[in-house]
N, C-alpha and C. Protein backbone atom coordinates (compact mmCIF):
# COMPACT_ATOMS: atom_id res chain seq x y z
N MET A 1 2.97 0.75 -10.07
CA MET A 1 1.38 0.98 -9.17
C MET A 1 2.00 1.77 -7.90
N ARG A 2 1.11 2.16 -7.78
CA ARG A 2 1.21 3.10 -5.82
C ARG A 2 1.67 2.07 -4.89
N TYR A 3 1.29 0.72 -5.38
CA TYR A 3 1.45 -0.54 -4.68
C TYR A 3 2.93 -0.57 -4.08
N ALA A 4 3.82 -0.14 -5.47
CA ALA A 4 5.24 -0.93 -5.62
C ALA A 4 5.69 0.53 -5.06
N SER A 5 5.52 1.81 -5.10
CA SER A 5 5.91 3.03 -4.18
C SER A 5 5.70 3.16 -3.11
N LEU A 6 4.60 2.04 -2.40
CA LEU A 6 4.31 1.86 -1.02
C LEU A 6 5.44 0.58 -0.09
N GLY A 7 5.67 0.07 -1.08
CA GLY A 7 6.71 -0.26 -0.91
C GLY A 7 6.77 -2.28 -1.13
N GLY A 8 5.95 -2.84 -2.31
CA GLY A 8 5.13 -4.35 -2.51
C GLY A 8 3.96 -4.65 -1.74
N GLY A 9 3.00 -3.63 -1.14
CA GLY A 9 1.69 -3.85 -1.14
C GLY A 9 1.36 -4.64 0.18
N SER A 10 1.86 -5.05 1.24
CA SER A 10 1.97 -5.30 2.10
C SER A 10 1.81 -4.17 2.86
N ARG A 11 2.36 -3.39 2.72
CA ARG A 11 1.83 -2.01 4.18
C ARG A 11 1.15 -1.57 3.70
N VAL A 12 -0.02 -1.54 2.74
CA VAL A 12 -0.92 -1.23 1.70
C VAL A 12 -2.18 -1.66 2.59
N ALA A 13 -2.26 -2.91 3.33
CA ALA A 13 -3.06 -3.78 4.08
C ALA A 13 -3.47 -2.42 5.93
N LEU A 14 -1.77 -2.24 5.57
CA LEU A 14 -1.14 -1.34 7.30
C LEU A 14 -1.78 -0.03 7.13
N LEU A 15 -1.86 0.59 6.11
CA LEU A 15 -2.40 1.81 5.88
C LEU A 15 -3.63 2.08 5.47
N PRO A 16 -4.78 2.70 6.24
CA PRO A 16 -5.94 2.60 6.38
C PRO A 16 -5.98 4.00 6.03
N SER A 17 -5.27 5.01 5.11
CA SER A 17 -5.35 5.78 4.42
C SER A 17 -5.07 5.84 3.06
N VAL A 18 -4.93 4.59 2.68
CA VAL A 18 -4.51 3.86 1.27
C VAL A 18 -5.25 2.79 1.16
N PRO A 19 -6.41 3.18 -0.08
CA PRO A 19 -7.54 2.01 -0.60
C PRO A 19 -6.62 1.36 -1.30
N ARG A 20 -7.15 0.07 -1.06
CA ARG A 20 -5.97 -1.45 -1.65
C ARG A 20 -5.63 -0.53 -3.51
């Protein structure tokens, strides 16, 4: 999943460019 690519998912919330 893209979440894993970002680094876990916690950072997903910090990245506005990335929708959940």
